[in-house]
Amino acid sequence: MFDRWFGKSSSKTITKKTMLENFGIGIDIVDVQRFEKIKFQDKPTFYKKLFCQSEIKYCLKYKNPAQHFAGKFACKEALKKSIKKQISFLDVETSHHNSRPVIRLHNTKLGKYRFLVSISHEKEFAVAVVISEKI
């Protein structure tokens, strides 16, 4: 299963237990109303503490940005759970590549990771799942 997702390991000395210790999973669900109650136009400093400029720009281009902000927030929370480390929200940048969510870490002190990400949102809730591998 791991080989299918991340490719085969180049080192034959890595055991399955060691391999599993390098993986983490996180999930988070967010009530979209939390972001509907606090509009970006009313509290831009609140949003700038949670989201990078590119994330804000992405969300604001939609008719209902609250759903997208909630999805990105759920993604950041799920990532924090998957790597089990304290990390600033601004050290996590979410984007999309070929219509798929992508995560980039700005804090290199955390080490290098690969991520599998899924985000979904609709009217009331946004949910995200992140699988991480420390490399």
C-alpha atoms as a PDB file:
ATOM      1  CA  MET A   1       0.000   0.000   0.000  1.00  0.00           C
ATOM      2  CA  PHE A   2       2.748   2.489   0.918  1.00  0.00           C
ATOM      3  CA  ASP A   3       4.761   1.633  -2.184  1.00  0.00           C
ATOM      4  CA  ARG A   4       1.744   2.451  -4.342  1.00  0.00           C
ATOM      5  CA  TRP A   5       1.370   5.912  -2.768  1.00  0.00           C
ATOM      6  CA  PHE A   6       4.939   6.988  -2.235  1.00  0.00           C
ATOM      7  CA  GLY A   7       7.149   4.656  -4.279  1.00  0.00           C
ATOM      8  CA  LYS A   8       9.549   2.001  -3.101  1.00  0.00           C
ATOM      9  CA  SER A   9      12.160   2.816  -0.490  1.00  0.00           C
ATOM     10  CA  SER A  10      15.725   2.947  -1.729  1.00  0.00           C
ATOM     11  CA  SER A  11      17.061   1.565   1.551  1.00  0.00           C
ATOM     12  CA  LYS A  12      16.542  -2.124   2.267  1.00  0.00           C
ATOM     13  CA  THR A  13      17.286  -1.633   5.975  1.00  0.00           C
ATOM     14  CA  ILE A  14      14.047   0.241   6.630  1.00  0.00           C
ATOM     15  CA  THR A  15      11.577  -1.961   8.476  1.00  0.00           C
ATOM     16  CA  LYS A  16       7.803  -1.767   8.158  1.00  0.00           C
ATOM     17  CA  LYS A  17       7.628  -0.450  11.751  1.00  0.00           C
ATOM     18  CA  THR A  18      10.077   2.369  10.965  1.00  0.00           C
ATOM     19  CA  MET A  19       8.130   3.088   7.829  1.00  0.00           C
ATOM     20  CA  LEU A  20       4.869   3.373   9.747  1.00  0.00           C
ATOM     21  CA  GLU A  21       6.440   5.771  12.245  1.00  0.00           C
ATOM     22  CA  ASN A  22       7.128   8.152   9.354  1.00  0.00           C
ATOM     23  CA  PHE A  23       3.430   8.360   8.479  1.00  0.00           C
ATOM     24  CA  GLY A  24       0.646  10.351  10.066  1.00  0.00           C
ATOM     25  CA  ILE A  25      -2.985  11.024   9.365  1.00  0.00           C
ATOM     26  CA  GLY A  26      -5.187  13.923  10.385  1.00  0.00           C
ATOM     27  CA  ILE A  27      -8.795  14.838   9.793  1.00  0.00           C
ATOM     28  CA  ASP A  28     -10.767  17.952  10.648  1.00  0.00           C
ATOM     29  CA  ILE A  29     -14.287  19.224  10.105  1.00  0.00           C
ATOM     30  CA  VAL A  30     -15.255  22.906  10.261  1.00  0.00           C
ATOM     31  CA  ASP A  31     -18.640  24.580  10.502  1.00  0.00           C
ATOM     32  CA  VAL A  32     -18.738  27.034   7.569  1.00  0.00           C
ATOM     33  CA  GLN A  33     -20.810  29.457   9.685  1.00  0.00           C
ATOM     34  CA  ARG A  34     -17.673  30.246  11.709  1.00  0.00           C
ATOM     35  CA  PHE A  35     -16.303  32.010   8.622  1.00  0.00           C
ATOM     36  CA  GLU A  36     -19.669  33.387   7.482  1.00  0.00           C
ATOM     37  CA  LYS A  37     -20.013  35.235  10.805  1.00  0.00           C
ATOM     38  CA  ILE A  38     -16.615  36.915  10.415  1.00  0.00           C
ATOM     39  CA  LYS A  39     -16.452  38.474   6.954  1.00  0.00           C
ATOM     40  CA  PHE A  40     -13.046  39.198   5.466  1.00  0.00           C
ATOM     41  CA  GLN A  41     -14.048  42.787   4.761  1.00  0.00           C
ATOM     42  CA  ASP A  42     -14.875  43.301   8.455  1.00  0.00           C
ATOM     43  CA  LYS A  43     -11.856  41.532  10.017  1.00  0.00           C
ATOM     44  CA  PRO A  44      -8.988  41.209   7.514  1.00  0.00           C
ATOM     45  CA  THR A  45      -6.414  40.938  10.338  1.00  0.00           C
ATOM     46  CA  PHE A  46      -8.179  37.794  11.631  1.00  0.00           C
ATOM     47  CA  TYR A  47      -7.802  36.161   8.211  1.00  0.00           C
ATOM     48  CA  LYS A  48      -4.209  37.329   7.776  1.00  0.00           C
ATOM     49  CA  LYS A  49      -3.272  35.447  10.977  1.00  0.00           C
ATOM     50  CA  LEU A  50      -4.599  32.190   9.516  1.00  0.00           C
ATOM     51  CA  PHE A  51      -4.084  32.364   5.757  1.00  0.00           C
ATOM     52  CA  CYS A  52      -1.313  33.344   3.349  1.00  0.00           C
ATOM     53  CA  GLN A  53      -2.059  36.098   0.849  1.00  0.00           C
ATOM     54  CA  SER A  54      -2.415  33.573  -1.994  1.00  0.00           C
ATOM     55  CA  GLU A  55      -4.990  31.602   0.020  1.00  0.00           C
ATOM     56  CA  ILE A  56      -7.007  34.734   0.773  1.00  0.00           C
ATOM     57  CA  LYS A  57      -6.961  35.746  -2.884  1.00  0.00           C
ATOM     58  CA  TYR A  58      -8.092  32.242  -3.908  1.00  0.00           C
ATOM     59  CA  CYS A  59     -11.033  32.163  -1.474  1.00  0.00           C
ATOM     60  CA  LEU A  60     -12.230  35.698  -2.186  1.00  0.00           C
ATOM     61  CA  LYS A  61     -12.690  34.989  -5.893  1.00  0.00           C
ATOM     62  CA  TYR A  62     -15.686  32.755  -5.088  1.00  0.00           C
ATOM     63  CA  LYS A  63     -19.284  33.795  -4.514  1.00  0.00           C
ATOM     64  CA  ASN A  64     -19.228  32.104  -1.090  1.00  0.00           C
ATOM     65  CA  PRO A  65     -15.653  32.476   0.206  1.00  0.00           C
ATOM     66  CA  ALA A  66     -16.604  31.134   3.657  1.00  0.00           C
ATOM     67  CA  GLN A  67     -16.806  27.567   2.317  1.00  0.00           C
ATOM     68  CA  HIS A  68     -13.329  27.847   0.848  1.00  0.00           C
ATOM     69  CA  PHE A  69     -11.837  29.483   3.946  1.00  0.00           C
ATOM     70  CA  ALA A  70     -13.393  26.703   6.050  1.00  0.00           C
ATOM     71  CA  GLY A  71     -11.917  24.052   3.737  1.00  0.00           C
ATOM     72  CA  LYS A  72      -8.449  25.556   3.896  1.00  0.00           C
ATOM     73  CA  PHE A  73      -8.689  25.919   7.678  1.00  0.00           C
ATOM     74  CA  ALA A  74      -9.767  22.262   8.004  1.00  0.00           C
ATOM     75  CA  CYS A  75      -6.796  21.293   5.836  1.00  0.00           C
ATOM     76  CA  LYS A  76      -4.347  23.175   8.056  1.00  0.00           C
ATOM     77  CA  GLU A  77      -5.830  21.612  11.206  1.00  0.00           C
ATOM     78  CA  ALA A  78      -5.691  18.134   9.650  1.00  0.00           C
ATOM     79  CA  LEU A  79      -2.038  18.711   8.715  1.00  0.00           C
ATOM     80  CA  LYS A  80      -1.169  19.734  12.282  1.00  0.00           C
ATOM     81  CA  LYS A  81      -2.731  16.497  13.518  1.00  0.00           C
ATOM     82  CA  SER A  82      -0.921  14.386  10.922  1.00  0.00           C
ATOM     83  CA  ILE A  83       2.587  15.650  11.746  1.00  0.00           C
ATOM     84  CA  LYS A  84       1.927  15.928  15.505  1.00  0.00           C
ATOM     85  CA  LYS A  85       3.951  19.145  15.840  1.00  0.00           C
ATOM     86  CA  GLN A  86       3.151  22.705  16.798  1.00  0.00           C
ATOM     87  CA  ILE A  87       3.134  24.804  13.665  1.00  0.00           C
ATOM     88  CA  SER A  88       1.917  28.272  12.781  1.00  0.00           C
ATOM     89  CA  PHE A  89      -1.011  28.470  10.386  1.00  0.00           C
ATOM     90  CA  LEU A  90       1.071  30.788   8.214  1.00  0.00           C
ATOM     91  CA  ASP A  91       3.778  28.112   7.874  1.00  0.00           C
ATOM     92  CA  VAL A  92       1.216  25.989   6.005  1.00  0.00           C
ATOM     93  CA  GLU A  93       0.214  27.111   2.530  1.00  0.00           C
ATOM     94  CA  THR A  94      -2.541  25.336   0.644  1.00  0.00           C
ATOM     95  CA  SER A  95      -3.035  25.621  -3.087  1.00  0.00           C
ATOM     96  CA  HIS A  96      -4.268  23.563  -6.012  1.00  0.00           C
ATOM     97  CA  HIS A  97      -2.411  21.818  -8.814  1.00  0.00           C
ATOM     98  CA  ASN A  98      -4.410  20.138 -11.590  1.00  0.00           C
ATOM     99  CA  SER A  99      -7.582  20.678  -9.502  1.00  0.00           C
ATOM    100  CA  ARG A 100      -6.083  18.783  -6.543  1.00  0.00           C
ATOM    101  CA  PRO A 101      -5.217  20.292  -3.166  1.00  0.00           C
ATOM    102  CA  VAL A 102      -1.521  20.712  -2.385  1.00  0.00           C
ATOM    103  CA  ILE A 103       0.244  21.626   0.864  1.00  0.00           C
ATOM    104  CA  ARG A 104       3.555  23.429   1.178  1.00  0.00           C
ATOM    105  CA  LEU A 105       5.386  24.002   4.474  1.00  0.00           C
ATOM    106  CA  HIS A 106       7.358  27.223   4.891  1.00  0.00           C
ATOM    107  CA  ASN A 107       9.089  26.209   8.144  1.00  0.00           C
ATOM    108  CA  THR A 108      12.077  24.066   7.131  1.00  0.00           C
ATOM    109  CA  LYS A 109      12.913  23.289  10.785  1.00  0.00           C
ATOM    110  CA  LEU A 110      10.027  20.810  10.773  1.00  0.00           C
ATOM    111  CA  GLY A 111      11.793  18.579   8.266  1.00  0.00           C
ATOM    112  CA  LYS A 112      10.658  17.408   4.862  1.00  0.00           C
ATOM    113  CA  TYR A 113       7.266  15.856   4.262  1.00  0.00           C
ATOM    114  CA  ARG A 114       5.093  14.573   1.465  1.00  0.00           C
ATOM    115  CA  PHE A 115       1.329  14.928   1.745  1.00  0.00           C
ATOM    116  CA  LEU A 116      -1.816  13.390   0.346  1.00  0.00           C
ATOM    117  CA  VAL A 117      -4.716  15.795   0.824  1.00  0.00           C
ATOM    118  CA  SER A 118      -8.454  15.711   0.326  1.00  0.00           C
ATOM    119  CA  ILE A 119     -10.768  18.650   1.008  1.00  0.00           C
ATOM    120  CA  SER A 120     -14.529  18.749   0.615  1.00  0.00           C
ATOM    121  CA  HIS A 121     -17.056  21.431   1.466  1.00  0.00           C
ATOM    122  CA  GLU A 122     -20.667  22.254   0.978  1.00  0.00           C
ATOM    123  CA  LYS A 123     -23.194  24.609   2.488  1.00  0.00           C
ATOM    124  CA  GLU A 124     -22.697  23.835   6.195  1.00  0.00           C
ATOM    125  CA  PHE A 125     -19.424  21.939   6.631  1.00  0.00           C
ATOM    126  CA  ALA A 126     -15.923  21.602   5.276  1.00  0.00           C
ATOM    127  CA  VAL A 127     -13.768  18.554   5.925  1.00  0.00           C
ATOM    128  CA  ALA A 128     -10.147  17.727   5.154  1.00  0.00           C
ATOM    129  CA  VAL A 129      -7.983  14.645   5.489  1.00  0.00           C
ATOM    130  CA  VAL A 130      -4.181  14.736   5.329  1.00  0.00           C
ATOM    131  CA  ILE A 131      -1.806  11.801   5.181  1.00  0.00           C
ATOM    132  CA  SER A 132       1.784  12.815   5.797  1.00  0.00           C
ATOM    133  CA  GLU A 133       5.083  11.057   5.277  1.00  0.00           C
ATOM    134  CA  LYS A 134       8.280  12.372   6.853  1.00  0.00           C
ATOM    135  CA  ILE A 135      11.084  11.921   4.315  1.00  0.00           C
END
